[in-house]
Amino acid sequence: MDPEAPGQVVERAVAEFGGLDILVNNAGGRPSGVALPRFPFLAPADEDWRVKFEFNLFSVVRFVRAAIPPMLARGG
C-alpha cells in the first residue's frame, strides 16, 4: 500500500462530504499484487509473515492518523 493513500482517501472524503464523522477499519487481507496460496501454518518464512503483518497493521494506523484531525475538527 502506498503510505500516502490513506491520507488521500480521507482528504477526498472530506472534500466530497464536507467532513468525516466515523472511520471503520475493516482490516485484513493481502497486499495488492500478492497472491496468497493456501499453505500449512509453518510453511511461510518470517519475511512472509512480516509483510502481511505490516500491511494489515499499518493500513489501519495510517487511516486512523489521517482521520483523527478532520474528526476532531467536527467536534469528535
Foldseek 3Di string as FASTA:
>chain_A
DPLCVLLVVQVVCCVVPVFDADDDQPFDDAPPPDDDDDDDPPPDDPVVVVRRVCVRVSVVVSNCVNRVVRNVVVVD
